[in-house]
C-alpha atoms as a PDB file:
ATOM      1  CA  UNK A   1       0.000   0.000   0.000  1.00  0.00           C
ATOM      2  CA  UNK A   2       1.192   3.496  -0.800  1.00  0.00           C
ATOM      3  CA  UNK A   3       0.962   6.438   1.568  1.00  0.00           C
ATOM      4  CA  UNK A   4      -2.448   8.120   1.556  1.00  0.00           C
ATOM      5  CA  UNK A   5      -3.389  11.708   2.413  1.00  0.00           C
ATOM      6  CA  UNK A   6      -6.784  11.935   4.125  1.00  0.00           C
ATOM      7  CA  UNK A   7      -8.606  15.073   5.230  1.00  0.00           C
ATOM      8  CA  UNK A   8     -11.282  15.183   7.905  1.00  0.00           C
ATOM      9  CA  UNK A   9     -13.659  18.130   7.707  1.00  0.00           C
ATOM     10  CA  UNK A  10     -16.140  19.991   9.857  1.00  0.00           C
ATOM     11  CA  UNK A  11     -18.707  22.638   9.012  1.00  0.00           C
ATOM     12  CA  UNK A  12     -21.913  24.211  10.245  1.00  0.00           C
ATOM     13  CA  UNK A  13     -24.628  22.478   8.233  1.00  0.00           C
ATOM     14  CA  UNK A  14     -28.095  23.869   7.557  1.00  0.00           C
ATOM     15  CA  UNK A  15     -31.053  21.672   8.446  1.00  0.00           C
ATOM     16  CA  UNK A  16     -32.711  20.244   5.352  1.00  0.00           C
ATOM     17  CA  UNK A  17     -30.751  22.504   2.968  1.00  0.00           C
ATOM     18  CA  UNK A  18     -28.973  19.952   0.807  1.00  0.00           C
ATOM     19  CA  UNK A  19     -27.988  22.492  -1.838  1.00  0.00           C
ATOM     20  CA  UNK A  20     -26.177  24.661   0.697  1.00  0.00           C
ATOM     21  CA  UNK A  21     -24.525  21.741   2.491  1.00  0.00           C
ATOM     22  CA  UNK A  22     -23.287  20.295  -0.789  1.00  0.00           C
ATOM     23  CA  UNK A  23     -21.876  23.698  -1.714  1.00  0.00           C
ATOM     24  CA  UNK A  24     -19.784  23.689   1.462  1.00  0.00           C
ATOM     25  CA  UNK A  25     -18.699  20.115   0.779  1.00  0.00           C
ATOM     26  CA  UNK A  26     -17.603  21.235  -2.687  1.00  0.00           C
ATOM     27  CA  UNK A  27     -15.630  24.211  -1.344  1.00  0.00           C
ATOM     28  CA  UNK A  28     -13.790  22.136   1.251  1.00  0.00           C
ATOM     29  CA  UNK A  29     -13.190  19.279  -1.189  1.00  0.00           C
ATOM     30  CA  UNK A  30     -11.616  21.694  -3.661  1.00  0.00           C
ATOM     31  CA  UNK A  31      -9.292  23.116  -1.010  1.00  0.00           C
ATOM     32  CA  UNK A  32      -8.326  19.670   0.279  1.00  0.00           C
ATOM     33  CA  UNK A  33      -7.573  18.430  -3.238  1.00  0.00           C
ATOM     34  CA  UNK A  34      -5.434  21.482  -3.943  1.00  0.00           C
ATOM     35  CA  UNK A  35      -3.449  20.607  -0.824  1.00  0.00           C
ATOM     36  CA  UNK A  36      -2.805  17.108  -2.119  1.00  0.00           C
ATOM     37  CA  UNK A  37      -5.485  15.104  -0.295  1.00  0.00           C
ATOM     38  CA  UNK A  38      -6.687  11.903  -1.894  1.00  0.00           C
ATOM     39  CA  UNK A  39      -9.759  11.641   0.371  1.00  0.00           C
ATOM     40  CA  UNK A  40     -11.974  13.975   2.408  1.00  0.00           C
ATOM     41  CA  UNK A  41     -14.531  12.807   4.988  1.00  0.00           C
ATOM     42  CA  UNK A  42     -17.526  14.741   6.350  1.00  0.00           C
ATOM     43  CA  UNK A  43     -19.822  14.191   9.320  1.00  0.00           C
ATOM     44  CA  UNK A  44     -22.955  12.112   9.803  1.00  0.00           C
ATOM     45  CA  UNK A  45     -25.854  13.488   7.720  1.00  0.00           C
ATOM     46  CA  UNK A  46     -23.603  16.261   6.464  1.00  0.00           C
ATOM     47  CA  UNK A  47     -25.730  16.546   3.309  1.00  0.00           C
ATOM     48  CA  UNK A  48     -29.140  16.717   4.963  1.00  0.00           C
ATOM     49  CA  UNK A  49     -28.513  17.952   8.498  1.00  0.00           C
ATOM     50  CA  UNK A  50     -29.193  15.738  11.482  1.00  0.00           C
ATOM     51  CA  UNK A  51     -30.705  16.916  14.764  1.00  0.00           C
ATOM     52  CA  UNK A  52     -33.748  18.566  13.167  1.00  0.00           C
ATOM     53  CA  UNK A  53     -34.876  15.100  12.013  1.00  0.00           C
ATOM     54  CA  UNK A  54     -36.064  14.235  15.528  1.00  0.00           C
ATOM     55  CA  UNK A  55     -39.112  16.438  14.822  1.00  0.00           C
ATOM     56  CA  UNK A  56     -40.007  15.059  11.386  1.00  0.00           C
ATOM     57  CA  UNK A  57     -42.882  12.769  10.448  1.00  0.00           C
ATOM     58  CA  UNK A  58     -42.191   9.767   8.250  1.00  0.00           C
ATOM     59  CA  UNK A  59     -43.605  11.658   5.271  1.00  0.00           C
ATOM     60  CA  UNK A  60     -41.230  14.536   5.929  1.00  0.00           C
ATOM     61  CA  UNK A  61     -38.345  12.114   6.297  1.00  0.00           C
ATOM     62  CA  UNK A  62     -39.217  10.514   2.964  1.00  0.00           C
ATOM     63  CA  UNK A  63     -39.222  13.954   1.352  1.00  0.00           C
ATOM     64  CA  UNK A  64     -35.642  14.671   2.385  1.00  0.00           C
ATOM     65  CA  UNK A  65     -34.314  11.114   1.960  1.00  0.00           C
ATOM     66  CA  UNK A  66     -32.922   9.870  -1.345  1.00  0.00           C
ATOM     67  CA  UNK A  67     -32.590   6.589  -3.165  1.00  0.00           C
ATOM     68  CA  UNK A  68     -28.913   5.646  -3.438  1.00  0.00           C
ATOM     69  CA  UNK A  69     -27.167   5.859  -5.870  1.00  0.00           C
ATOM     70  CA  UNK A  70     -29.799   7.399  -8.131  1.00  0.00           C
ATOM     71  CA  UNK A  71     -30.429  10.412  -5.917  1.00  0.00           C
ATOM     72  CA  UNK A  72     -29.301  13.915  -6.851  1.00  0.00           C
ATOM     73  CA  UNK A  73     -26.894  14.202  -3.937  1.00  0.00           C
ATOM     74  CA  UNK A  74     -24.857  11.180  -5.019  1.00  0.00           C
ATOM     75  CA  UNK A  75     -24.729  12.558  -8.538  1.00  0.00           C
ATOM     76  CA  UNK A  76     -23.491  15.878  -7.168  1.00  0.00           C
ATOM     77  CA  UNK A  77     -20.829  14.185  -5.043  1.00  0.00           C
ATOM     78  CA  UNK A  78     -19.641  12.292  -8.120  1.00  0.00           C
ATOM     79  CA  UNK A  79     -19.436  15.565 -10.028  1.00  0.00           C
ATOM     80  CA  UNK A  80     -17.387  17.176  -7.247  1.00  0.00           C
ATOM     81  CA  UNK A  81     -15.126  14.133  -6.965  1.00  0.00           C
ATOM     82  CA  UNK A  82     -14.454  14.172 -10.693  1.00  0.00           C
ATOM     83  CA  UNK A  83     -13.918  17.917 -10.857  1.00  0.00           C
ATOM     84  CA  UNK A  84     -11.218  17.908  -8.172  1.00  0.00           C
ATOM     85  CA  UNK A  85     -10.001  14.300  -8.411  1.00  0.00           C
ATOM     86  CA  UNK A  86     -10.726  13.514  -4.786  1.00  0.00           C
ATOM     87  CA  UNK A  87     -12.711  10.767  -3.032  1.00  0.00           C
ATOM     88  CA  UNK A  88     -15.552  12.065  -0.831  1.00  0.00           C
ATOM     89  CA  UNK A  89     -17.333  10.482   2.134  1.00  0.00           C
ATOM     90  CA  UNK A  90     -20.551  12.107   3.363  1.00  0.00           C
ATOM     91  CA  UNK A  91     -23.849  11.243   5.029  1.00  0.00           C
ATOM     92  CA  UNK A  92     -27.560  11.567   4.310  1.00  0.00           C
ATOM     93  CA  UNK A  93     -30.934   9.956   4.922  1.00  0.00           C
ATOM     94  CA  UNK A  94     -31.713   7.129   2.499  1.00  0.00           C
ATOM     95  CA  UNK A  95     -34.992   5.595   1.350  1.00  0.00           C
ATOM     96  CA  UNK A  96     -35.533   2.415  -0.626  1.00  0.00           C
ATOM     97  CA  UNK A  97     -38.219   1.424  -3.124  1.00  0.00           C
ATOM     98  CA  UNK A  98     -40.449   0.283  -0.251  1.00  0.00           C
ATOM     99  CA  UNK A  99     -40.131   3.581   1.629  1.00  0.00           C
ATOM    100  CA  UNK A 100     -37.913   2.129   4.314  1.00  0.00           C
ATOM    101  CA  UNK A 101     -35.686   4.812   5.795  1.00  0.00           C
ATOM    102  CA  UNK A 102     -32.011   4.492   6.759  1.00  0.00           C
ATOM    103  CA  UNK A 103     -29.179   6.615   8.040  1.00  0.00           C
ATOM    104  CA  UNK A 104     -26.598   6.239   5.272  1.00  0.00           C
ATOM    105  CA  UNK A 105     -22.968   7.186   4.726  1.00  0.00           C
ATOM    106  CA  UNK A 106     -21.408   6.926   1.292  1.00  0.00           C
ATOM    107  CA  UNK A 107     -18.031   6.905  -0.386  1.00  0.00           C
ATOM    108  CA  UNK A 108     -18.059   8.415  -3.870  1.00  0.00           C
ATOM    109  CA  UNK A 109     -15.324   8.878  -6.468  1.00  0.00           C
ATOM    110  CA  UNK A 110     -15.327  10.282  -9.993  1.00  0.00           C
ATOM    111  CA  UNK A 111     -16.883   7.061 -11.311  1.00  0.00           C
ATOM    112  CA  UNK A 112     -19.769   7.036  -8.829  1.00  0.00           C
ATOM    113  CA  UNK A 113     -20.678   5.155  -5.664  1.00  0.00           C
ATOM    114  CA  UNK A 114     -17.802   3.184  -4.134  1.00  0.00           C
ATOM    115  CA  UNK A 115     -19.496   2.087  -0.906  1.00  0.00           C
ATOM    116  CA  UNK A 116     -22.667   2.611   1.139  1.00  0.00           C
ATOM    117  CA  UNK A 117     -23.155   1.904   4.820  1.00  0.00           C
ATOM    118  CA  UNK A 118     -26.367   1.994   6.849  1.00  0.00           C
ATOM    119  CA  UNK A 119     -26.133   2.902  10.542  1.00  0.00           C
ATOM    120  CA  UNK A 120     -26.655  -0.154  12.734  1.00  0.00           C
ATOM    121  CA  UNK A 121     -28.010   1.763  15.733  1.00  0.00           C
ATOM    122  CA  UNK A 122     -30.091   4.732  14.476  1.00  0.00           C
ATOM    123  CA  UNK A 123     -32.376   6.634  16.825  1.00  0.00           C
ATOM    124  CA  UNK A 124     -32.781  10.290  15.822  1.00  0.00           C
ATOM    125  CA  UNK A 125     -36.177   9.434  14.321  1.00  0.00           C
ATOM    126  CA  UNK A 126     -38.430   6.406  15.030  1.00  0.00           C
ATOM    127  CA  UNK A 127     -39.038   5.843  11.320  1.00  0.00           C
ATOM    128  CA  UNK A 128     -35.425   4.831  10.703  1.00  0.00           C
ATOM    129  CA  UNK A 129     -34.597   1.190  10.036  1.00  0.00           C
ATOM    130  CA  UNK A 130     -31.322  -0.243  11.413  1.00  0.00           C
ATOM    131  CA  UNK A 131     -28.737  -1.460   8.951  1.00  0.00           C
ATOM    132  CA  UNK A 132     -27.802  -5.139   9.145  1.00  0.00           C
ATOM    133  CA  UNK A 133     -24.291  -5.499   7.749  1.00  0.00           C
ATOM    134  CA  UNK A 134     -20.757  -4.174   7.988  1.00  0.00           C
ATOM    135  CA  UNK A 135     -19.054  -2.402   5.145  1.00  0.00           C
ATOM    136  CA  UNK A 136     -15.460  -2.913   3.989  1.00  0.00           C
ATOM    137  CA  UNK A 137     -14.165  -1.474   0.711  1.00  0.00           C
ATOM    138  CA  UNK A 138     -10.952  -0.225  -0.919  1.00  0.00           C
ATOM    139  CA  UNK A 139      -9.516   3.232  -1.427  1.00  0.00           C
ATOM    140  CA  UNK A 140      -6.243   3.259  -3.377  1.00  0.00           C
ATOM    141  CA  UNK A 141      -5.383  -0.226  -2.135  1.00  0.00           C
ATOM    142  CA  UNK A 142      -6.293   0.467   1.510  1.00  0.00           C
ATOM    143  CA  UNK A 143      -9.076  -1.572   3.119  1.00  0.00           C
ATOM    144  CA  UNK A 144     -11.556   0.818   4.745  1.00  0.00           C
ATOM    145  CA  UNK A 145     -14.660   0.512   6.901  1.00  0.00           C
ATOM    146  CA  UNK A 146     -17.442   2.813   8.104  1.00  0.00           C
ATOM    147  CA  UNK A 147     -19.242   2.994  11.453  1.00  0.00           C
ATOM    148  CA  UNK A 148     -21.624   5.856  12.206  1.00  0.00           C
ATOM    149  CA  UNK A 149     -21.684   7.596  15.601  1.00  0.00           C
ATOM    150  CA  UNK A 150     -23.381   5.307  18.183  1.00  0.00           C
ATOM    151  CA  UNK A 151     -22.183   2.243  16.253  1.00  0.00           C
ATOM    152  CA  UNK A 152     -18.695   2.973  17.574  1.00  0.00           C
ATOM    153  CA  UNK A 153     -19.773   2.793  21.205  1.00  0.00           C
ATOM    154  CA  UNK A 154     -20.609  -0.881  20.783  1.00  0.00           C
ATOM    155  CA  UNK A 155     -17.019  -2.040  20.719  1.00  0.00           C
ATOM    156  CA  UNK A 156     -17.799  -5.308  18.934  1.00  0.00           C
ATOM    157  CA  UNK A 157     -18.678  -3.286  15.822  1.00  0.00           C
ATOM    158  CA  UNK A 158     -15.206  -1.781  15.648  1.00  0.00           C
ATOM    159  CA  UNK A 159     -13.453  -5.100  16.209  1.00  0.00           C
ATOM    160  CA  UNK A 160     -15.674  -6.837  13.642  1.00  0.00           C
ATOM    161  CA  UNK A 161     -14.910  -4.164  11.047  1.00  0.00           C
ATOM    162  CA  UNK A 162     -11.200  -4.553  11.744  1.00  0.00           C
ATOM    163  CA  UNK A 163     -11.387  -8.362  11.539  1.00  0.00           C
ATOM    164  CA  UNK A 164     -13.096  -8.007   8.158  1.00  0.00           C
ATOM    165  CA  UNK A 165      -9.926  -6.304   6.966  1.00  0.00           C
ATOM    166  CA  UNK A 166     -10.360  -2.582   7.547  1.00  0.00           C
ATOM    167  CA  UNK A 167      -7.146  -0.702   8.349  1.00  0.00           C
ATOM    168  CA  UNK A 168      -8.875   2.691   8.124  1.00  0.00           C
ATOM    169  CA  UNK A 169     -12.257   3.171   9.797  1.00  0.00           C
ATOM    170  CA  UNK A 170     -14.284   6.273   9.010  1.00  0.00           C
ATOM    171  CA  UNK A 171     -16.337   7.354  12.040  1.00  0.00           C
ATOM    172  CA  UNK A 172     -18.733  10.166  11.066  1.00  0.00           C
ATOM    173  CA  UNK A 173     -20.557  11.639  14.067  1.00  0.00           C
ATOM    174  CA  UNK A 174     -22.914  14.322  15.309  1.00  0.00           C
ATOM    175  CA  UNK A 175     -21.977  14.276  18.965  1.00  0.00           C
ATOM    176  CA  UNK A 176     -20.843  15.984  22.183  1.00  0.00           C
ATOM    177  CA  UNK A 177     -22.278  18.988  24.026  1.00  0.00           C
ATOM    178  CA  UNK A 178     -25.520  17.248  25.063  1.00  0.00           C
ATOM    179  CA  UNK A 179     -26.890  16.057  28.433  1.00  0.00           C
ATOM    180  CA  UNK A 180     -25.946  12.632  29.752  1.00  0.00           C
ATOM    181  CA  UNK A 181     -25.659  10.703  32.993  1.00  0.00           C
ATOM    182  CA  UNK A 182     -21.881  10.982  32.761  1.00  0.00           C
ATOM    183  CA  UNK A 183     -20.248  13.630  34.986  1.00  0.00           C
ATOM    184  CA  UNK A 184     -19.615  16.986  33.379  1.00  0.00           C
ATOM    185  CA  UNK A 185     -21.934  16.526  30.396  1.00  0.00           C
ATOM    186  CA  UNK A 186     -24.458  19.075  29.146  1.00  0.00           C
ATOM    187  CA  UNK A 187     -25.427  21.555  26.456  1.00  0.00           C
ATOM    188  CA  UNK A 188     -23.157  24.449  25.558  1.00  0.00           C
ATOM    189  CA  UNK A 189     -24.958  27.810  25.532  1.00  0.00           C
ATOM    190  CA  UNK A 190     -25.532  28.964  21.916  1.00  0.00           C
ATOM    191  CA  UNK A 191     -24.780  32.522  23.068  1.00  0.00           C
ATOM    192  CA  UNK A 192     -21.137  31.488  23.333  1.00  0.00           C
ATOM    193  CA  UNK A 193     -21.209  30.591  19.646  1.00  0.00           C
ATOM    194  CA  UNK A 194     -22.665  33.987  18.801  1.00  0.00           C
ATOM    195  CA  UNK A 195     -19.812  35.694  20.678  1.00  0.00           C
ATOM    196  CA  UNK A 196     -17.043  33.379  19.435  1.00  0.00           C
ATOM    197  CA  UNK A 197     -15.132  36.197  17.737  1.00  0.00           C
ATOM    198  CA  UNK A 198     -15.106  38.507  20.757  1.00  0.00           C
ATOM    199  CA  UNK A 199     -14.769  35.792  23.409  1.00  0.00           C
ATOM    200  CA  UNK A 200     -13.229  32.664  21.891  1.00  0.00           C
ATOM    201  CA  UNK A 201     -11.753  31.549  25.210  1.00  0.00           C
ATOM    202  CA  UNK A 202     -15.061  30.875  26.972  1.00  0.00           C
ATOM    203  CA  UNK A 203     -16.308  28.845  24.023  1.00  0.00           C
ATOM    204  CA  UNK A 204     -13.075  26.870  23.732  1.00  0.00           C
ATOM    205  CA  UNK A 205     -13.149  26.009  27.440  1.00  0.00           C
ATOM    206  CA  UNK A 206     -16.624  24.508  27.008  1.00  0.00           C
ATOM    207  CA  UNK A 207     -15.731  22.727  23.774  1.00  0.00           C
ATOM    208  CA  UNK A 208     -12.547  21.216  25.186  1.00  0.00           C
ATOM    209  CA  UNK A 209     -13.907  20.251  28.623  1.00  0.00           C
ATOM    210  CA  UNK A 210     -16.017  17.296  29.716  1.00  0.00           C
ATOM    211  CA  UNK A 211     -18.953  18.442  27.586  1.00  0.00           C
ATOM    212  CA  UNK A 212     -16.812  17.916  24.534  1.00  0.00           C
ATOM    213  CA  UNK A 213     -13.259  16.913  23.722  1.00  0.00           C
ATOM    214  CA  UNK A 214     -12.253  15.616  27.167  1.00  0.00           C
ATOM    215  CA  UNK A 215     -15.081  13.073  26.986  1.00  0.00           C
ATOM    216  CA  UNK A 216     -14.208  12.114  23.419  1.00  0.00           C
ATOM    217  CA  UNK A 217     -10.615  11.423  24.391  1.00  0.00           C
ATOM    218  CA  UNK A 218     -11.729   8.924  27.032  1.00  0.00           C
ATOM    219  CA  UNK A 219     -12.681   6.389  24.368  1.00  0.00           C
ATOM    220  CA  UNK A 220     -11.962   7.366  20.762  1.00  0.00           C
ATOM    221  CA  UNK A 221      -8.162   6.818  20.805  1.00  0.00           C
ATOM    222  CA  UNK A 222      -8.700   3.398  22.370  1.00  0.00           C
ATOM    223  CA  UNK A 223     -10.709   2.281  19.336  1.00  0.00           C
ATOM    224  CA  UNK A 224      -7.650   2.981  17.194  1.00  0.00           C
ATOM    225  CA  UNK A 225      -5.116   1.582  19.675  1.00  0.00           C
ATOM    226  CA  UNK A 226      -6.903  -1.668  20.519  1.00  0.00           C
ATOM    227  CA  UNK A 227      -7.545  -2.469  16.872  1.00  0.00           C
ATOM    228  CA  UNK A 228      -4.320  -1.209  15.335  1.00  0.00           C
ATOM    229  CA  UNK A 229      -6.283   0.910  12.868  1.00  0.00           C
ATOM    230  CA  UNK A 230      -6.416   4.464  11.631  1.00  0.00           C
ATOM    231  CA  UNK A 231      -9.558   6.306  12.774  1.00  0.00           C
ATOM    232  CA  UNK A 232     -11.037   9.197  10.788  1.00  0.00           C
ATOM    233  CA  UNK A 233     -13.480  11.043  13.056  1.00  0.00           C
ATOM    234  CA  UNK A 234     -15.669  13.778  11.544  1.00  0.00           C
ATOM    235  CA  UNK A 235     -18.114  15.969  13.479  1.00  0.00           C
ATOM    236  CA  UNK A 236     -19.960  19.243  12.779  1.00  0.00           C
ATOM    237  CA  UNK A 237     -19.011  22.638  14.205  1.00  0.00           C
ATOM    238  CA  UNK A 238     -21.584  25.244  15.224  1.00  0.00           C
ATOM    239  CA  UNK A 239     -25.359  25.009  15.412  1.00  0.00           C
ATOM    240  CA  UNK A 240     -27.097  21.839  14.287  1.00  0.00           C
ATOM    241  CA  UNK A 241     -30.760  22.728  14.652  1.00  0.00           C
ATOM    242  CA  UNK A 242     -30.891  24.143  18.210  1.00  0.00           C
ATOM    243  CA  UNK A 243     -27.830  22.261  19.515  1.00  0.00           C
ATOM    244  CA  UNK A 244     -24.268  23.532  19.467  1.00  0.00           C
ATOM    245  CA  UNK A 245     -21.602  21.080  18.317  1.00  0.00           C
ATOM    246  CA  UNK A 246     -17.892  21.430  18.922  1.00  0.00           C
ATOM    247  CA  UNK A 247     -16.211  19.858  15.915  1.00  0.00           C
ATOM    248  CA  UNK A 248     -12.874  18.345  16.999  1.00  0.00           C
ATOM    249  CA  UNK A 249     -12.760  16.391  13.742  1.00  0.00           C
ATOM    250  CA  UNK A 250      -9.557  14.387  13.946  1.00  0.00           C
ATOM    251  CA  UNK A 251      -7.477  11.551  12.582  1.00  0.00           C
ATOM    252  CA  UNK A 252      -5.928   9.062  15.006  1.00  0.00           C
ATOM    253  CA  UNK A 253      -3.178   6.620  14.116  1.00  0.00           C
ATOM    254  CA  UNK A 254      -2.857   2.967  15.230  1.00  0.00           C
ATOM    255  CA  UNK A 255      -0.833   4.058  18.271  1.00  0.00           C
ATOM    256  CA  UNK A 256      -3.850   6.047  19.479  1.00  0.00           C
ATOM    257  CA  UNK A 257      -2.114   9.354  18.742  1.00  0.00           C
ATOM    258  CA  UNK A 258      -3.999  12.302  17.259  1.00  0.00           C
ATOM    259  CA  UNK A 259      -2.118  13.167  14.062  1.00  0.00           C
ATOM    260  CA  UNK A 260      -4.515  15.824  12.732  1.00  0.00           C
ATOM    261  CA  UNK A 261      -7.329  17.816  14.345  1.00  0.00           C
ATOM    262  CA  UNK A 262      -9.578  20.709  13.374  1.00  0.00           C
ATOM    263  CA  UNK A 263      -9.279  23.473  15.965  1.00  0.00           C
ATOM    264  CA  UNK A 264     -10.943  26.325  14.091  1.00  0.00           C
ATOM    265  CA  UNK A 265     -14.472  27.605  14.692  1.00  0.00           C
ATOM    266  CA  UNK A 266     -14.786  28.048  10.914  1.00  0.00           C
ATOM    267  CA  UNK A 267     -15.695  25.520   8.249  1.00  0.00           C
ATOM    268  CA  UNK A 268     -12.390  23.713   7.888  1.00  0.00           C
ATOM    269  CA  UNK A 269     -10.437  20.505   7.430  1.00  0.00           C
ATOM    270  CA  UNK A 270      -7.148  19.009   8.555  1.00  0.00           C
ATOM    271  CA  UNK A 271      -5.041  16.450   6.735  1.00  0.00           C
ATOM    272  CA  UNK A 272      -2.861  13.540   7.813  1.00  0.00           C
ATOM    273  CA  UNK A 273      -0.507  11.259   5.946  1.00  0.00           C
ATOM    274  CA  UNK A 274      -1.556   7.626   6.400  1.00  0.00           C
ATOM    275  CA  UNK A 275       1.414   5.246   6.189  1.00  0.00           C
ATOM    276  CA  UNK A 276       1.271   1.422   6.195  1.00  0.00           C
ATOM    277  CA  UNK A 277       4.166   0.663   8.543  1.00  0.00           C
ATOM    278  CA  UNK A 278       2.250   1.822  11.631  1.00  0.00           C
ATOM    279  CA  UNK A 279      -0.290  -0.945  11.086  1.00  0.00           C
ATOM    280  CA  UNK A 280       2.217  -3.598  12.088  1.00  0.00           C
ATOM    281  CA  UNK A 281       4.310  -1.504  14.486  1.00  0.00           C
ATOM    282  CA  UNK A 282       1.382  -0.652  16.789  1.00  0.00           C
ATOM    283  CA  UNK A 283       0.332  -2.862  19.693  1.00  0.00           C
ATOM    284  CA  UNK A 284      -3.076  -3.622  18.224  1.00  0.00           C
ATOM    285  CA  UNK A 285      -1.440  -5.726  15.518  1.00  0.00           C
ATOM    286  CA  UNK A 286       0.115  -7.976  18.169  1.00  0.00           C
ATOM    287  CA  UNK A 287      -3.031  -8.089  20.284  1.00  0.00           C
ATOM    288  CA  UNK A 288      -5.217  -9.213  17.399  1.00  0.00           C
ATOM    289  CA  UNK A 289      -2.730 -11.950  16.484  1.00  0.00           C
ATOM    290  CA  UNK A 290      -2.587 -13.070  20.134  1.00  0.00           C
ATOM    291  CA  UNK A 291      -6.345 -13.570  20.456  1.00  0.00           C
ATOM    292  CA  UNK A 292      -7.722 -16.945  21.553  1.00  0.00           C
ATOM    293  CA  UNK A 293     -11.256 -16.889  20.137  1.00  0.00           C
ATOM    294  CA  UNK A 294     -11.930 -20.478  21.220  1.00  0.00           C
ATOM    295  CA  UNK A 295     -12.198 -19.114  24.769  1.00  0.00           C
ATOM    296  CA  UNK A 296     -14.871 -16.524  24.097  1.00  0.00           C
ATOM    297  CA  UNK A 297     -16.499 -17.070  20.707  1.00  0.00           C
ATOM    298  CA  UNK A 298     -19.564 -18.630  22.318  1.00  0.00           C
ATOM    299  CA  UNK A 299     -19.717 -15.914  24.982  1.00  0.00           C
ATOM    300  CA  UNK A 300     -19.590 -13.072  22.454  1.00  0.00           C
ATOM    301  CA  UNK A 301     -22.289 -14.733  20.377  1.00  0.00           C
ATOM    302  CA  UNK A 302     -24.487 -15.564  23.336  1.00  0.00           C
ATOM    303  CA  UNK A 303     -28.130 -14.470  23.103  1.00  0.00           C
ATOM    304  CA  UNK A 304     -29.153 -11.533  25.264  1.00  0.00           C
ATOM    305  CA  UNK A 305     -32.006  -9.085  25.543  1.00  0.00           C
ATOM    306  CA  UNK A 306     -30.681  -6.503  23.110  1.00  0.00           C
ATOM    307  CA  UNK A 307     -32.069  -2.989  23.130  1.00  0.00           C
ATOM    308  CA  UNK A 308     -33.295  -2.607  19.586  1.00  0.00           C
ATOM    309  CA  UNK A 309     -33.680   1.167  19.575  1.00  0.00           C
ATOM    310  CA  UNK A 310     -32.266   4.017  21.599  1.00  0.00           C
ATOM    311  CA  UNK A 311     -35.002   6.521  22.379  1.00  0.00           C
ATOM    312  CA  UNK A 312     -34.084  10.082  21.458  1.00  0.00           C
ATOM    313  CA  UNK A 313     -34.469  12.359  24.469  1.00  0.00           C
ATOM    314  CA  UNK A 314     -32.049  15.122  23.507  1.00  0.00           C
ATOM    315  CA  UNK A 315     -29.182  13.405  25.273  1.00  0.00           C
ATOM    316  CA  UNK A 316     -25.880  11.828  24.323  1.00  0.00           C
ATOM    317  CA  UNK A 317     -25.971  10.516  20.777  1.00  0.00           C
ATOM    318  CA  UNK A 318     -22.631   8.825  20.565  1.00  0.00           C
END
């Protein structure tokens, strides 16, 4: 495998305004390509917006959802990818021919759809149907996977994606800065966003504390470290419906080290060079090879009373 330059992006999306959101995706994709990136990844539902969907009826959800790959948004992503010779990953709501609804994330290049993943644990809207399979595909010879937001909190999903061959896992989110039972969690006051130019310090303290980045760093690097994989985390910045999100889009290497991170309050991206030697140098490579699945394969597959849906109550969504 050759070295790969990947950009992770963040921007303030507009609820339900696919034309605007795609225009931002195009602007950032152009800039990333001009800086030499082969790939750019955006957040969960970056095309459609996310949090506003908790208020939508099924009919309204069907109006904003698209059939993939025939939908206009996929065609637009293909156009952007071809124009700037860059691979794009972005999210949207999907519908099928039977009006089933899914939370989808796609990889698109200049030839069209490369991969599509459906979120396994959706809950922003009760009309959404859970996906039922993992997704592993290739980008320039690298095996890649996708897990959306809450999917990454069920650690078996990350290990399964790695065992299926993924050395890069894209983790698009809309998360942080919401109430939870964990200590220090809660909303960040939107007034701080409005005054971000005159008082950036107060906003950064909230974004980087336990409402935001400090919580993220409790678990996200471990997903990379334990599995010996690169993690590409993408998250929005600014207002998503009536909730403020703190960005922190980042790329983490197999050692669990952050090698690129967005720190701006503006629409932005950061880029990291992905190199193959870390895959075998990092501890996760040894740990996976040292597994003894005969000891626990029946335990991991044991039946249990699984919670089929997480009820949306304006609290932690990742």
